[in-house]
PDB file of N, CA and C in Angstrom:
ATOM      1  N   UNK A   1     -70.020  62.240  16.837  1.00  0.00           N
ATOM      2  CA  UNK A   1     -68.953  61.611  16.157  1.00  0.00           C
ATOM      3  C   UNK A   1     -69.449  60.249  15.678  1.00  0.00           C
ATOM      4  N   UNK A   2     -69.163  59.978  14.434  1.00  0.00           N
ATOM      5  CA  UNK A   2     -69.647  58.770  13.811  1.00  0.00           C
ATOM      6  C   UNK A   2     -68.461  57.828  13.550  1.00  0.00           C
ATOM      7  N   UNK A   3     -68.607  56.568  13.975  1.00  0.00           N
ATOM      8  CA  UNK A   3     -67.555  55.571  13.744  1.00  0.00           C
ATOM      9  C   UNK A   3     -67.785  54.913  12.402  1.00  0.00           C
ATOM     10  N   UNK A   4     -66.720  54.760  11.666  1.00  0.00           N
ATOM     11  CA  UNK A   4     -66.856  54.092  10.372  1.00  0.00           C
ATOM     12  C   UNK A   4     -66.788  52.582  10.572  1.00  0.00           C
ATOM     13  N   UNK A   5     -67.192  51.812   9.591  1.00  0.00           N
ATOM     14  CA  UNK A   5     -67.240  50.362   9.673  1.00  0.00           C
ATOM     15  C   UNK A   5     -65.875  49.700   9.453  1.00  0.00           C
ATOM     16  N   UNK A   6     -64.834  50.432   9.109  1.00  0.00           N
ATOM     17  CA  UNK A   6     -63.509  49.849   8.860  1.00  0.00           C
ATOM     18  C   UNK A   6     -62.766  49.657  10.172  1.00  0.00           C
ATOM     19  N   UNK A   7     -62.203  48.451  10.341  1.00  0.00           N
ATOM     20  CA  UNK A   7     -61.385  48.201  11.523  1.00  0.00           C
ATOM     21  C   UNK A   7     -59.928  48.343  11.113  1.00  0.00           C
ATOM     22  N   UNK A   8     -59.148  48.867  11.983  1.00  0.00           N
ATOM     23  CA  UNK A   8     -57.716  48.985  11.738  1.00  0.00           C
ATOM     24  C   UNK A   8     -56.974  48.258  12.855  1.00  0.00           C
ATOM     25  N   UNK A   9     -55.871  47.542  12.493  1.00  0.00           N
ATOM     26  CA  UNK A   9     -55.071  46.839  13.497  1.00  0.00           C
ATOM     27  C   UNK A   9     -55.529  45.396  13.668  1.00  0.00           C
ATOM     28  N   UNK A  10     -54.919  44.732  14.670  1.00  0.00           N
ATOM     29  CA  UNK A  10     -55.203  43.326  14.938  1.00  0.00           C
ATOM     30  C   UNK A  10     -55.900  43.207  16.282  1.00  0.00           C
ATOM     31  N   UNK A  11     -56.692  42.175  16.401  1.00  0.00           N
ATOM     32  CA  UNK A  11     -57.334  41.931  17.686  1.00  0.00           C
ATOM     33  C   UNK A  11     -56.358  41.183  18.582  1.00  0.00           C
ATOM     34  N   UNK A  12     -56.640  41.153  19.849  1.00  0.00           N
ATOM     35  CA  UNK A  12     -55.779  40.464  20.808  1.00  0.00           C
ATOM     36  C   UNK A  12     -55.729  38.966  20.510  1.00  0.00           C
ATOM     37  N   UNK A  13     -56.825  38.379  20.096  1.00  0.00           N
ATOM     38  CA  UNK A  13     -56.875  36.946  19.765  1.00  0.00           C
ATOM     39  C   UNK A  13     -55.964  36.625  18.574  1.00  0.00           C
ATOM     40  N   UNK A  14     -55.946  37.456  17.559  1.00  0.00           N
ATOM     41  CA  UNK A  14     -55.083  37.238  16.396  1.00  0.00           C
ATOM     42  C   UNK A  14     -53.605  37.305  16.790  1.00  0.00           C
ATOM     43  N   UNK A  15     -53.266  38.191  17.663  1.00  0.00           N
ATOM     44  CA  UNK A  15     -51.874  38.325  18.116  1.00  0.00           C
ATOM     45  C   UNK A  15     -51.459  37.102  18.927  1.00  0.00           C
ATOM     46  N   UNK A  16     -52.327  36.619  19.799  1.00  0.00           N
ATOM     47  CA  UNK A  16     -52.014  35.442  20.622  1.00  0.00           C
ATOM     48  C   UNK A  16     -51.844  34.208  19.735  1.00  0.00           C
ATOM     49  N   UNK A  17     -52.736  34.011  18.757  1.00  0.00           N
ATOM     50  CA  UNK A  17     -52.633  32.865  17.861  1.00  0.00           C
ATOM     51  C   UNK A  17     -51.339  32.936  17.053  1.00  0.00           C
ATOM     52  N   UNK A  18     -50.961  34.093  16.582  1.00  0.00           N
ATOM     53  CA  UNK A  18     -49.720  34.276  15.831  1.00  0.00           C
ATOM     54  C   UNK A  18     -48.509  33.943  16.700  1.00  0.00           C
ATOM     55  N   UNK A  19     -48.511  34.377  17.953  1.00  0.00           N
ATOM     56  CA  UNK A  19     -47.402  34.091  18.857  1.00  0.00           C
ATOM     57  C   UNK A  19     -47.293  32.589  19.154  1.00  0.00           C
ATOM     58  N   UNK A  20     -48.434  31.925  19.336  1.00  0.00           N
ATOM     59  CA  UNK A  20     -48.419  30.483  19.610  1.00  0.00           C
ATOM     60  C   UNK A  20     -47.877  29.723  18.403  1.00  0.00           C
ATOM     61  N   UNK A  21     -48.323  30.057  17.202  1.00  0.00           N
ATOM     62  CA  UNK A  21     -47.842  29.385  15.993  1.00  0.00           C
ATOM     63  C   UNK A  21     -46.346  29.643  15.802  1.00  0.00           C
ATOM     64  N   UNK A  22     -45.896  30.863  16.029  1.00  0.00           N
ATOM     65  CA  UNK A  22     -44.473  31.186  15.892  1.00  0.00           C
ATOM     66  C   UNK A  22     -43.641  30.435  16.934  1.00  0.00           C
ATOM     67  N   UNK A  23     -44.154  30.313  18.145  1.00  0.00           N
ATOM     68  CA  UNK A  23     -43.438  29.589  19.200  1.00  0.00           C
ATOM     69  C   UNK A  23     -43.324  28.108  18.849  1.00  0.00           C
ATOM     70  N   UNK A  24     -44.385  27.502  18.333  1.00  0.00           N
ATOM     71  CA  UNK A  24     -44.333  26.093  17.937  1.00  0.00           C
ATOM     72  C   UNK A  24     -43.350  25.885  16.780  1.00  0.00           C
ATOM     73  N   UNK A  25     -43.370  26.776  15.809  1.00  0.00           N
ATOM     74  CA  UNK A  25     -42.425  26.669  14.688  1.00  0.00           C
ATOM     75  C   UNK A  25     -40.987  26.817  15.179  1.00  0.00           C
ATOM     76  N   UNK A  26     -40.765  27.727  16.104  1.00  0.00           N
ATOM     77  CA  UNK A  26     -39.425  27.906  16.675  1.00  0.00           C
ATOM     78  C   UNK A  26     -38.983  26.686  17.470  1.00  0.00           C
ATOM     79  N   UNK A  27     -39.897  26.078  18.204  1.00  0.00           N
ATOM     80  CA  UNK A  27     -39.577  24.889  18.985  1.00  0.00           C
ATOM     81  C   UNK A  27     -39.181  23.722  18.080  1.00  0.00           C
ATOM     82  N   UNK A  28     -39.933  23.504  17.019  1.00  0.00           N
ATOM     83  CA  UNK A  28     -39.624  22.429  16.081  1.00  0.00           C
ATOM     84  C   UNK A  28     -38.270  22.679  15.413  1.00  0.00           C
ATOM     85  N   UNK A  29     -38.033  23.891  14.989  1.00  0.00           N
ATOM     86  CA  UNK A  29     -36.765  24.251  14.353  1.00  0.00           C
ATOM     87  C   UNK A  29     -35.601  24.071  15.320  1.00  0.00           C
ATOM     88  N   UNK A  30     -35.746  24.534  16.543  1.00  0.00           N
ATOM     89  CA  UNK A  30     -34.680  24.433  17.542  1.00  0.00           C
ATOM     90  C   UNK A  30     -34.379  22.974  17.855  1.00  0.00           C
ATOM     91  N   UNK A  31     -35.407  22.155  17.996  1.00  0.00           N
ATOM     92  CA  UNK A  31     -35.215  20.742  18.297  1.00  0.00           C
ATOM     93  C   UNK A  31     -34.435  20.059  17.184  1.00  0.00           C
ATOM     94  N   UNK A  32     -34.791  20.295  15.948  1.00  0.00           N
ATOM     95  CA  UNK A  32     -34.097  19.683  14.821  1.00  0.00           C
ATOM     96  C   UNK A  32     -32.662  20.179  14.715  1.00  0.00           C
ATOM     97  N   UNK A  33     -32.461  21.466  14.790  1.00  0.00           N
ATOM     98  CA  UNK A  33     -31.129  22.052  14.616  1.00  0.00           C
ATOM     99  C   UNK A  33     -30.207  21.669  15.767  1.00  0.00           C
ATOM    100  N   UNK A  34     -30.698  21.670  16.996  1.00  0.00           N
ATOM    101  CA  UNK A  34     -29.829  21.349  18.123  1.00  0.00           C
ATOM    102  C   UNK A  34     -29.362  19.899  18.043  1.00  0.00           C
ATOM    103  N   UNK A  35     -30.228  18.981  17.645  1.00  0.00           N
ATOM    104  CA  UNK A  35     -29.842  17.577  17.500  1.00  0.00           C
ATOM    105  C   UNK A  35     -28.800  17.426  16.390  1.00  0.00           C
ATOM    106  N   UNK A  36     -28.972  18.134  15.312  1.00  0.00           N
ATOM    107  CA  UNK A  36     -28.038  18.058  14.186  1.00  0.00           C
ATOM    108  C   UNK A  36     -26.688  18.659  14.566  1.00  0.00           C
ATOM    109  N   UNK A  37     -26.698  19.780  15.254  1.00  0.00           N
ATOM    110  CA  UNK A  37     -25.445  20.436  15.628  1.00  0.00           C
ATOM    111  C   UNK A  37     -24.670  19.592  16.637  1.00  0.00           C
ATOM    112  N   UNK A  38     -25.364  18.993  17.584  1.00  0.00           N
ATOM    113  CA  UNK A  38     -24.691  18.179  18.587  1.00  0.00           C
ATOM    114  C   UNK A  38     -24.024  16.969  17.937  1.00  0.00           C
ATOM    115  N   UNK A  39     -24.661  16.342  16.980  1.00  0.00           N
ATOM    116  CA  UNK A  39     -24.123  15.143  16.349  1.00  0.00           C
ATOM    117  C   UNK A  39     -23.224  15.442  15.157  1.00  0.00           C
ATOM    118  N   UNK A  40     -23.051  16.697  14.786  1.00  0.00           N
ATOM    119  CA  UNK A  40     -22.275  17.023  13.592  1.00  0.00           C
ATOM    120  C   UNK A  40     -20.795  16.696  13.752  1.00  0.00           C
ATOM    121  N   UNK A  41     -20.301  16.611  14.974  1.00  0.00           N
ATOM    122  CA  UNK A  41     -18.890  16.309  15.192  1.00  0.00           C
ATOM    123  C   UNK A  41     -18.556  14.834  15.165  1.00  0.00           C
ATOM    124  N   UNK A  42     -19.554  13.967  15.211  1.00  0.00           N
ATOM    125  CA  UNK A  42     -19.294  12.525  15.261  1.00  0.00           C
ATOM    126  C   UNK A  42     -18.520  11.997  14.051  1.00  0.00           C
ATOM    127  N   UNK A  43     -18.863  12.386  12.821  1.00  0.00           N
ATOM    128  CA  UNK A  43     -18.060  11.890  11.696  1.00  0.00           C
ATOM    129  C   UNK A  43     -16.598  12.324  11.754  1.00  0.00           C
ATOM    130  N   UNK A  44     -16.356  13.509  12.262  1.00  0.00           N
ATOM    131  CA  UNK A  44     -14.978  13.996  12.370  1.00  0.00           C
ATOM    132  C   UNK A  44     -14.208  13.161  13.384  1.00  0.00           C
ATOM    133  N   UNK A  45     -14.834  12.896  14.532  1.00  0.00           N
ATOM    134  CA  UNK A  45     -14.175  12.091  15.558  1.00  0.00           C
ATOM    135  C   UNK A  45     -13.940  10.661  15.072  1.00  0.00           C
ATOM    136  N   UNK A  46     -14.891  10.115  14.338  1.00  0.00           N
ATOM    137  CA  UNK A  46     -14.716   8.761  13.791  1.00  0.00           C
ATOM    138  C   UNK A  46     -13.565   8.719  12.790  1.00  0.00           C
ATOM    139  N   UNK A  47     -13.473   9.729  11.951  1.00  0.00           N
ATOM    140  CA  UNK A  47     -12.386   9.784  10.967  1.00  0.00           C
ATOM    141  C   UNK A  47     -11.029   9.928  11.657  1.00  0.00           C
ATOM    142  N   UNK A  48     -10.965  10.730  12.715  1.00  0.00           N
ATOM    143  CA  UNK A  48      -9.713  10.881  13.454  1.00  0.00           C
ATOM    144  C   UNK A  48      -9.317   9.571  14.125  1.00  0.00           C
ATOM    145  N   UNK A  49     -10.290   8.881  14.710  1.00  0.00           N
ATOM    146  CA  UNK A  49      -9.995   7.608  15.366  1.00  0.00           C
ATOM    147  C   UNK A  49      -9.532   6.571  14.340  1.00  0.00           C
ATOM    148  N   UNK A  50     -10.152   6.574  13.168  1.00  0.00           N
ATOM    149  CA  UNK A  50      -9.743   5.640  12.121  1.00  0.00           C
ATOM    150  C   UNK A  50      -8.327   5.943  11.634  1.00  0.00           C
ATOM    151  N   UNK A  51      -7.985   7.211  11.541  1.00  0.00           N
ATOM    152  CA  UNK A  51      -6.623   7.584  11.133  1.00  0.00           C
ATOM    153  C   UNK A  51      -5.609   7.130  12.174  1.00  0.00           C
ATOM    154  N   UNK A  52      -5.980   7.187  13.458  1.00  0.00           N
ATOM    155  CA  UNK A  52      -5.068   6.726  14.507  1.00  0.00           C
ATOM    156  C   UNK A  52      -4.888   5.215  14.456  1.00  0.00           C
ATOM    157  N   UNK A  53      -5.892   4.491  13.996  1.00  0.00           N
ATOM    158  CA  UNK A  53      -5.791   3.044  13.864  1.00  0.00           C
ATOM    159  C   UNK A  53      -5.016   2.685  12.596  1.00  0.00           C
ATOM    160  N   UNK A  54      -5.196   3.484  11.568  1.00  0.00           N
ATOM    161  CA  UNK A  54      -4.579   3.182  10.278  1.00  0.00           C
ATOM    162  C   UNK A  54      -3.062   3.366  10.302  1.00  0.00           C
ATOM    163  N   UNK A  55      -2.565   4.313  11.081  1.00  0.00           N
ATOM    164  CA  UNK A  55      -1.128   4.600  11.107  1.00  0.00           C
ATOM    165  C   UNK A  55      -0.297   3.390  11.541  1.00  0.00           C
ATOM    166  N   UNK A  56      -0.594   2.733  12.672  1.00  0.00           N
ATOM    167  CA  UNK A  56       0.230   1.568  13.024  1.00  0.00           C
ATOM    168  C   UNK A  56       0.039   0.394  12.064  1.00  0.00           C
ATOM    169  N   UNK A  57      -1.143   0.296  11.450  1.00  0.00           N
ATOM    170  CA  UNK A  57      -1.342  -0.761  10.460  1.00  0.00           C
ATOM    171  C   UNK A  57      -0.446  -0.533   9.247  1.00  0.00           C
ATOM    172  N   UNK A  58      -0.315   0.713   8.825  1.00  0.00           N
ATOM    173  CA  UNK A  58       0.581   1.031   7.708  1.00  0.00           C
ATOM    174  C   UNK A  58       2.032   0.761   8.081  1.00  0.00           C
ATOM    175  N   UNK A  59       2.405   1.046   9.335  1.00  0.00           N
ATOM    176  CA  UNK A  59       3.770   0.758   9.775  1.00  0.00           C
ATOM    177  C   UNK A  59       4.042  -0.742   9.754  1.00  0.00           C
ATOM    178  N   UNK A  60       3.069  -1.523  10.200  1.00  0.00           N
ATOM    179  CA  UNK A  60       3.263  -2.980  10.188  1.00  0.00           C
ATOM    180  C   UNK A  60       3.325  -3.507   8.761  1.00  0.00           C
ATOM    181  N   UNK A  61       2.563  -2.908   7.850  1.00  0.00           N
ATOM    182  CA  UNK A  61       2.625  -3.308   6.446  1.00  0.00           C
ATOM    183  C   UNK A  61       3.985  -2.953   5.845  1.00  0.00           C
ATOM    184  N   UNK A  62       4.544  -1.826   6.246  1.00  0.00           N
ATOM    185  CA  UNK A  62       5.880  -1.448   5.772  1.00  0.00           C
ATOM    186  C   UNK A  62       6.926  -2.440   6.273  1.00  0.00           C
ATOM    187  N   UNK A  63       6.773  -2.891   7.524  1.00  0.00           N
ATOM    188  CA  UNK A  63       7.680  -3.916   8.036  1.00  0.00           C
ATOM    189  C   UNK A  63       7.558  -5.205   7.223  1.00  0.00           C
ATOM    190  N   UNK A  64       6.335  -5.572   6.904  1.00  0.00           N
ATOM    191  CA  UNK A  64       6.105  -6.795   6.129  1.00  0.00           C
ATOM    192  C   UNK A  64       6.707  -6.669   4.723  1.00  0.00           C
ATOM    193  N   UNK A  65       6.602  -5.487   4.141  1.00  0.00           N
ATOM    194  CA  UNK A  65       7.222  -5.268   2.833  1.00  0.00           C
ATOM    195  C   UNK A  65       8.731  -5.443   2.918  1.00  0.00           C
ATOM    196  N   UNK A  66       9.321  -5.032   4.055  1.00  0.00           N
ATOM    197  CA  UNK A  66      10.753  -5.276   4.269  1.00  0.00           C
ATOM    198  C   UNK A  66      11.060  -6.761   4.313  1.00  0.00           C
ATOM    199  N   UNK A  67      10.161  -7.536   4.928  1.00  0.00           N
ATOM    200  CA  UNK A  67      10.343  -8.993   4.934  1.00  0.00           C
ATOM    201  C   UNK A  67      10.232  -9.543   3.513  1.00  0.00           C
ATOM    202  N   UNK A  68       9.256  -9.053   2.745  1.00  0.00           N
ATOM    203  CA  UNK A  68       9.078  -9.546   1.373  1.00  0.00           C
ATOM    204  C   UNK A  68      10.274  -9.202   0.482  1.00  0.00           C
ATOM    205  N   UNK A  69      10.916  -8.058   0.734  1.00  0.00           N
ATOM    206  CA  UNK A  69      12.102  -7.669  -0.033  1.00  0.00           C
ATOM    207  C   UNK A  69      13.370  -8.327   0.515  1.00  0.00           C
ATOM    208  N   UNK A  70      13.182  -9.207   1.509  1.00  0.00           N
ATOM    209  CA  UNK A  70      14.266  -9.946   2.149  1.00  0.00           C
ATOM    210  C   UNK A  70      15.249  -9.040   2.879  1.00  0.00           C
ATOM    211  N   UNK A  71      14.751  -7.888   3.361  1.00  0.00           N
ATOM    212  CA  UNK A  71      15.552  -7.016   4.211  1.00  0.00           C
ATOM    213  C   UNK A  71      15.474  -7.476   5.663  1.00  0.00           C
ATOM    214  N   UNK A  72      14.427  -8.242   6.001  1.00  0.00           N
ATOM    215  CA  UNK A  72      14.235  -8.783   7.342  1.00  0.00           C
ATOM    216  C   UNK A  72      13.944 -10.275   7.234  1.00  0.00           C
ATOM    217  N   UNK A  73      14.372 -11.000   8.242  1.00  0.00           N
ATOM    218  CA  UNK A  73      13.953 -12.399   8.326  1.00  0.00           C
ATOM    219  C   UNK A  73      12.575 -12.443   8.982  1.00  0.00           C
ATOM    220  N   UNK A  74      11.951 -13.626   8.952  1.00  0.00           N
ATOM    221  CA  UNK A  74      10.615 -13.756   9.554  1.00  0.00           C
ATOM    222  C   UNK A  74      10.664 -13.480  11.058  1.00  0.00           C
ATOM    223  N   UNK A  75      11.684 -13.974  11.723  1.00  0.00           N
ATOM    224  CA  UNK A  75      11.791 -13.742  13.172  1.00  0.00           C
ATOM    225  C   UNK A  75      12.068 -12.263  13.470  1.00  0.00           C
ATOM    226  N   UNK A  76      12.857 -11.598  12.635  1.00  0.00           N
ATOM    227  CA  UNK A  76      13.090 -10.157  12.820  1.00  0.00           C
ATOM    228  C   UNK A  76      11.790  -9.382  12.587  1.00  0.00           C
ATOM    229  N   UNK A  77      11.051  -9.779  11.560  1.00  0.00           N
ATOM    230  CA  UNK A  77       9.761  -9.129  11.302  1.00  0.00           C
ATOM    231  C   UNK A  77       8.830  -9.281  12.503  1.00  0.00           C
ATOM    232  N   UNK A  78       8.751 -10.493  13.064  1.00  0.00           N
ATOM    233  CA  UNK A  78       7.875 -10.724  14.209  1.00  0.00           C
ATOM    234  C   UNK A  78       8.307  -9.917  15.425  1.00  0.00           C
ATOM    235  N   UNK A  79       9.604  -9.815  15.674  1.00  0.00           N
ATOM    236  CA  UNK A  79      10.065  -9.044  16.831  1.00  0.00           C
ATOM    237  C   UNK A  79       9.821  -7.548  16.628  1.00  0.00           C
ATOM    238  N   UNK A  80      10.050  -7.050  15.405  1.00  0.00           N
ATOM    239  CA  UNK A  80       9.751  -5.636  15.115  1.00  0.00           C
ATOM    240  C   UNK A  80       8.250  -5.366  15.226  1.00  0.00           C
ATOM    241  N   UNK A  81       7.452  -6.325  14.802  1.00  0.00           N
ATOM    242  CA  UNK A  81       6.002  -6.193  14.904  1.00  0.00           C
ATOM    243  C   UNK A  81       5.567  -6.169  16.364  1.00  0.00           C
ATOM    244  N   UNK A  82       6.177  -6.988  17.205  1.00  0.00           N
ATOM    245  CA  UNK A  82       5.874  -6.970  18.637  1.00  0.00           C
ATOM    246  C   UNK A  82       6.202  -5.613  19.250  1.00  0.00           C
ATOM    247  N   UNK A  83       7.342  -5.035  18.855  1.00  0.00           N
ATOM    248  CA  UNK A  83       7.739  -3.709  19.358  1.00  0.00           C
ATOM    249  C   UNK A  83       6.733  -2.653  18.917  1.00  0.00           C
ATOM    250  N   UNK A  84       6.338  -2.728  17.649  1.00  0.00           N
ATOM    251  CA  UNK A  84       5.361  -1.767  17.118  1.00  0.00           C
ATOM    252  C   UNK A  84       4.032  -1.881  17.862  1.00  0.00           C
ATOM    253  N   UNK A  85       3.580  -3.092  18.084  1.00  0.00           N
ATOM    254  CA  UNK A  85       2.311  -3.286  18.786  1.00  0.00           C
ATOM    255  C   UNK A  85       2.392  -2.819  20.227  1.00  0.00           C
ATOM    256  N   UNK A  86       3.517  -3.027  20.878  1.00  0.00           N
ATOM    257  CA  UNK A  86       3.680  -2.556  22.255  1.00  0.00           C
ATOM    258  C   UNK A  86       3.660  -1.030  22.307  1.00  0.00           C
ATOM    259  N   UNK A  87       4.245  -0.394  21.301  1.00  0.00           N
ATOM    260  CA  UNK A  87       4.268   1.075  21.271  1.00  0.00           C
ATOM    261  C   UNK A  87       2.874   1.663  21.062  1.00  0.00           C
ATOM    262  N   UNK A  88       2.016   0.931  20.367  1.00  0.00           N
ATOM    263  CA  UNK A  88       0.669   1.426  20.075  1.00  0.00           C
ATOM    264  C   UNK A  88      -0.401   0.743  20.934  1.00  0.00           C
ATOM    265  N   UNK A  89       0.023   0.082  21.996  1.00  0.00           N
ATOM    266  CA  UNK A  89      -0.894  -0.607  22.914  1.00  0.00           C
ATOM    267  C   UNK A  89      -1.803  -1.586  22.195  1.00  0.00           C
ATOM    268  N   UNK A  90      -1.276  -2.210  21.167  1.00  0.00           N
ATOM    269  CA  UNK A  90      -2.058  -3.189  20.421  1.00  0.00           C
ATOM    270  C   UNK A  90      -1.902  -4.573  21.018  1.00  0.00           C
ATOM    271  N   UNK A  91      -2.788  -5.475  20.668  1.00  0.00           N
ATOM    272  CA  UNK A  91      -2.676  -6.844  21.188  1.00  0.00           C
ATOM    273  C   UNK A  91      -1.543  -7.598  20.487  1.00  0.00           C
ATOM    274  N   UNK A  92      -1.122  -8.666  21.097  1.00  0.00           N
ATOM    275  CA  UNK A  92      -0.090  -9.499  20.489  1.00  0.00           C
ATOM    276  C   UNK A  92      -0.626 -10.099  19.192  1.00  0.00           C
ATOM    277  N   UNK A  93       0.228 -10.304  18.183  1.00  0.00           N
ATOM    278  CA  UNK A  93      -0.260 -10.942  16.960  1.00  0.00           C
ATOM    279  C   UNK A  93      -0.695 -12.377  17.251  1.00  0.00           C
ATOM    280  N   UNK A  94      -1.787 -12.759  16.667  1.00  0.00           N
ATOM    281  CA  UNK A  94      -2.323 -14.097  16.881  1.00  0.00           C
ATOM    282  C   UNK A  94      -1.957 -14.983  15.689  1.00  0.00           C
ATOM    283  N   UNK A  95      -1.313 -16.112  15.945  1.00  0.00           N
ATOM    284  CA  UNK A  95      -1.052 -17.026  14.828  1.00  0.00           C
ATOM    285  C   UNK A  95      -2.355 -17.658  14.351  1.00  0.00           C
ATOM    286  N   UNK A  96      -2.505 -17.742  13.049  1.00  0.00           N
ATOM    287  CA  UNK A  96      -3.673 -18.399  12.458  1.00  0.00           C
ATOM    288  C   UNK A  96      -3.249 -19.813  12.115  1.00  0.00           C
ATOM    289  N   UNK A  97      -3.938 -20.782  12.672  1.00  0.00           N
ATOM    290  CA  UNK A  97      -3.559 -22.181  12.473  1.00  0.00           C
ATOM    291  C   UNK A  97      -4.171 -22.737  11.201  1.00  0.00           C
ATOM    292  N   UNK A  98      -3.296 -23.207  10.323  1.00  0.00           N
ATOM    293  CA  UNK A  98      -3.725 -23.915   9.126  1.00  0.00           C
ATOM    294  C   UNK A  98      -3.043 -25.267   9.186  1.00  0.00           C
ATOM    295  N   UNK A  99      -3.823 -26.306   9.349  1.00  0.00           N
ATOM    296  CA  UNK A  99      -3.230 -27.628   9.570  1.00  0.00           C
ATOM    297  C   UNK A  99      -2.545 -28.138   8.296  1.00  0.00           C
ATOM    298  N   UNK A 100      -1.381 -28.779   8.506  1.00  0.00           N
ATOM    299  CA  UNK A 100      -0.671 -29.406   7.411  1.00  0.00           C
ATOM    300  C   UNK A 100       0.222 -28.473   6.619  1.00  0.00           C
ATOM    301  N   UNK A 101       0.277 -27.204   6.957  1.00  0.00           N
ATOM    302  CA  UNK A 101       1.103 -26.251   6.212  1.00  0.00           C
ATOM    303  C   UNK A 101       2.390 -25.981   6.990  1.00  0.00           C
ATOM    304  N   UNK A 102       3.471 -25.675   6.274  1.00  0.00           N
ATOM    305  CA  UNK A 102       4.750 -25.437   6.930  1.00  0.00           C
ATOM    306  C   UNK A 102       5.115 -23.951   6.942  1.00  0.00           C
ATOM    307  N   UNK A 103       4.114 -23.082   6.993  1.00  0.00           N
ATOM    308  CA  UNK A 103       4.371 -21.656   7.129  1.00  0.00           C
ATOM    309  C   UNK A 103       3.422 -21.085   8.185  1.00  0.00           C
ATOM    310  N   UNK A 104       3.745 -19.889   8.616  1.00  0.00           N
ATOM    311  CA  UNK A 104       2.991 -19.257   9.688  1.00  0.00           C
ATOM    312  C   UNK A 104       2.236 -18.055   9.145  1.00  0.00           C
ATOM    313  N   UNK A 105       1.038 -17.842   9.644  1.00  0.00           N
ATOM    314  CA  UNK A 105       0.249 -16.658   9.297  1.00  0.00           C
ATOM    315  C   UNK A 105      -0.054 -15.928  10.594  1.00  0.00           C
ATOM    316  N   UNK A 106       0.244 -14.639  10.624  1.00  0.00           N
ATOM    317  CA  UNK A 106      -0.050 -13.814  11.795  1.00  0.00           C
ATOM    318  C   UNK A 106      -1.246 -12.922  11.502  1.00  0.00           C
ATOM    319  N   UNK A 107      -2.159 -12.853  12.459  1.00  0.00           N
ATOM    320  CA  UNK A 107      -3.299 -11.939  12.355  1.00  0.00           C
ATOM    321  C   UNK A 107      -3.086 -10.815  13.352  1.00  0.00           C
ATOM    322  N   UNK A 108      -3.102  -9.592  12.855  1.00  0.00           N
ATOM    323  CA  UNK A 108      -2.904  -8.414  13.699  1.00  0.00           C
ATOM    324  C   UNK A 108      -4.144  -7.543  13.581  1.00  0.00           C
ATOM    325  N   UNK A 109      -4.729  -7.191  14.727  1.00  0.00           N
ATOM    326  CA  UNK A 109      -5.926  -6.355  14.741  1.00  0.00           C
ATOM    327  C   UNK A 109      -5.654  -5.109  15.570  1.00  0.00           C
ATOM    328  N   UNK A 110      -5.932  -3.952  14.985  1.00  0.00           N
ATOM    329  CA  UNK A 110      -5.831  -2.680  15.695  1.00  0.00           C
ATOM    330  C   UNK A 110      -7.235  -2.157  15.918  1.00  0.00           C
ATOM    331  N   UNK A 111      -7.517  -1.698  17.139  1.00  0.00           N
ATOM    332  CA  UNK A 111      -8.846  -1.209  17.496  1.00  0.00           C
ATOM    333  C   UNK A 111      -8.757   0.270  17.840  1.00  0.00           C
ATOM    334  N   UNK A 112      -9.689   1.056  17.290  1.00  0.00           N
ATOM    335  CA  UNK A 112      -9.714   2.491  17.532  1.00  0.00           C
ATOM    336  C   UNK A 112     -10.576   2.871  18.719  1.00  0.00           C
ATOM    337  N   UNK A 113     -10.579   4.157  19.017  1.00  0.00           N
ATOM    338  CA  UNK A 113     -11.311   4.672  20.167  1.00  0.00           C
ATOM    339  C   UNK A 113     -12.824   4.524  20.004  1.00  0.00           C
ATOM    340  N   UNK A 114     -13.313   4.548  18.785  1.00  0.00           N
ATOM    341  CA  UNK A 114     -14.749   4.435  18.538  1.00  0.00           C
ATOM    342  C   UNK A 114     -15.149   3.027  18.113  1.00  0.00           C
ATOM    343  N   UNK A 115     -14.278   2.066  18.370  1.00  0.00           N
ATOM    344  CA  UNK A 115     -14.605   0.677  18.073  1.00  0.00           C
ATOM    345  C   UNK A 115     -14.257   0.213  16.673  1.00  0.00           C
ATOM    346  N   UNK A 116     -13.628   1.059  15.869  1.00  0.00           N
ATOM    347  CA  UNK A 116     -13.229   0.613  14.538  1.00  0.00           C
ATOM    348  C   UNK A 116     -12.111  -0.417  14.683  1.00  0.00           C
ATOM    349  N   UNK A 117     -12.159  -1.424  13.857  1.00  0.00           N
ATOM    350  CA  UNK A 117     -11.115  -2.440  13.866  1.00  0.00           C
ATOM    351  C   UNK A 117     -10.550  -2.613  12.468  1.00  0.00           C
ATOM    352  N   UNK A 118      -9.227  -2.655  12.389  1.00  0.00           N
ATOM    353  CA  UNK A 118      -8.537  -2.964  11.142  1.00  0.00           C
ATOM    354  C   UNK A 118      -7.688  -4.200  11.399  1.00  0.00           C
ATOM    355  N   UNK A 119      -7.821  -5.183  10.536  1.00  0.00           N
ATOM    356  CA  UNK A 119      -7.116  -6.448  10.701  1.00  0.00           C
ATOM    357  C   UNK A 119      -6.252  -6.716   9.469  1.00  0.00           C
ATOM    358  N   UNK A 120      -5.057  -7.205   9.720  1.00  0.00           N
ATOM    359  CA  UNK A 120      -4.145  -7.583   8.637  1.00  0.00           C
ATOM    360  C   UNK A 120      -3.656  -9.000   8.898  1.00  0.00           C
ATOM    361  N   UNK A 121      -3.455  -9.742   7.822  1.00  0.00           N
ATOM    362  CA  UNK A 121      -2.880 -11.082   7.885  1.00  0.00           C
ATOM    363  C   UNK A 121      -1.535 -11.047   7.197  1.00  0.00           C
ATOM    364  N   UNK A 122      -0.510 -11.531   7.883  1.00  0.00           N
ATOM    365  CA  UNK A 122       0.843 -11.567   7.339  1.00  0.00           C
ATOM    366  C   UNK A 122       1.270 -13.023   7.269  1.00  0.00           C
ATOM    367  N   UNK A 123       1.656 -13.470   6.079  1.00  0.00           N
ATOM    368  CA  UNK A 123       2.063 -14.878   5.920  1.00  0.00           C
ATOM    369  C   UNK A 123       3.565 -14.980   5.721  1.00  0.00           C
ATOM    370  N   UNK A 124       4.091 -16.088   6.189  1.00  0.00           N
ATOM    371  CA  UNK A 124       5.526 -16.336   6.092  1.00  0.00           C
ATOM    372  C   UNK A 124       5.889 -16.763   4.687  1.00  0.00           C
TER     373      UNK A 124
END
């Protein structure tokens, strides 16, 4: 029986090298994809936290618009604002001191779960 010079199939070394290269490619792909998938929810959570901060700020702006339309006095606006802030666990409004002026400016800051801050200034 005579063997021909043609080889058929793969050698064991070729198979091992192919498996090692495929494993490295899979590892790189898995590392990149897993990091991306884990962090993919962060923008959604940030947007939700910002929406939770924006809602009481819009309510306080609506109260201020009532003051501007003369539906509320300044003291009524401040008391309603205190109630709103207490309901949303916000800090007390801070008066902004401007020397020599005969009006009051209130600074209200709302802070979200992810550290977002929205600040509004309301002037008398």
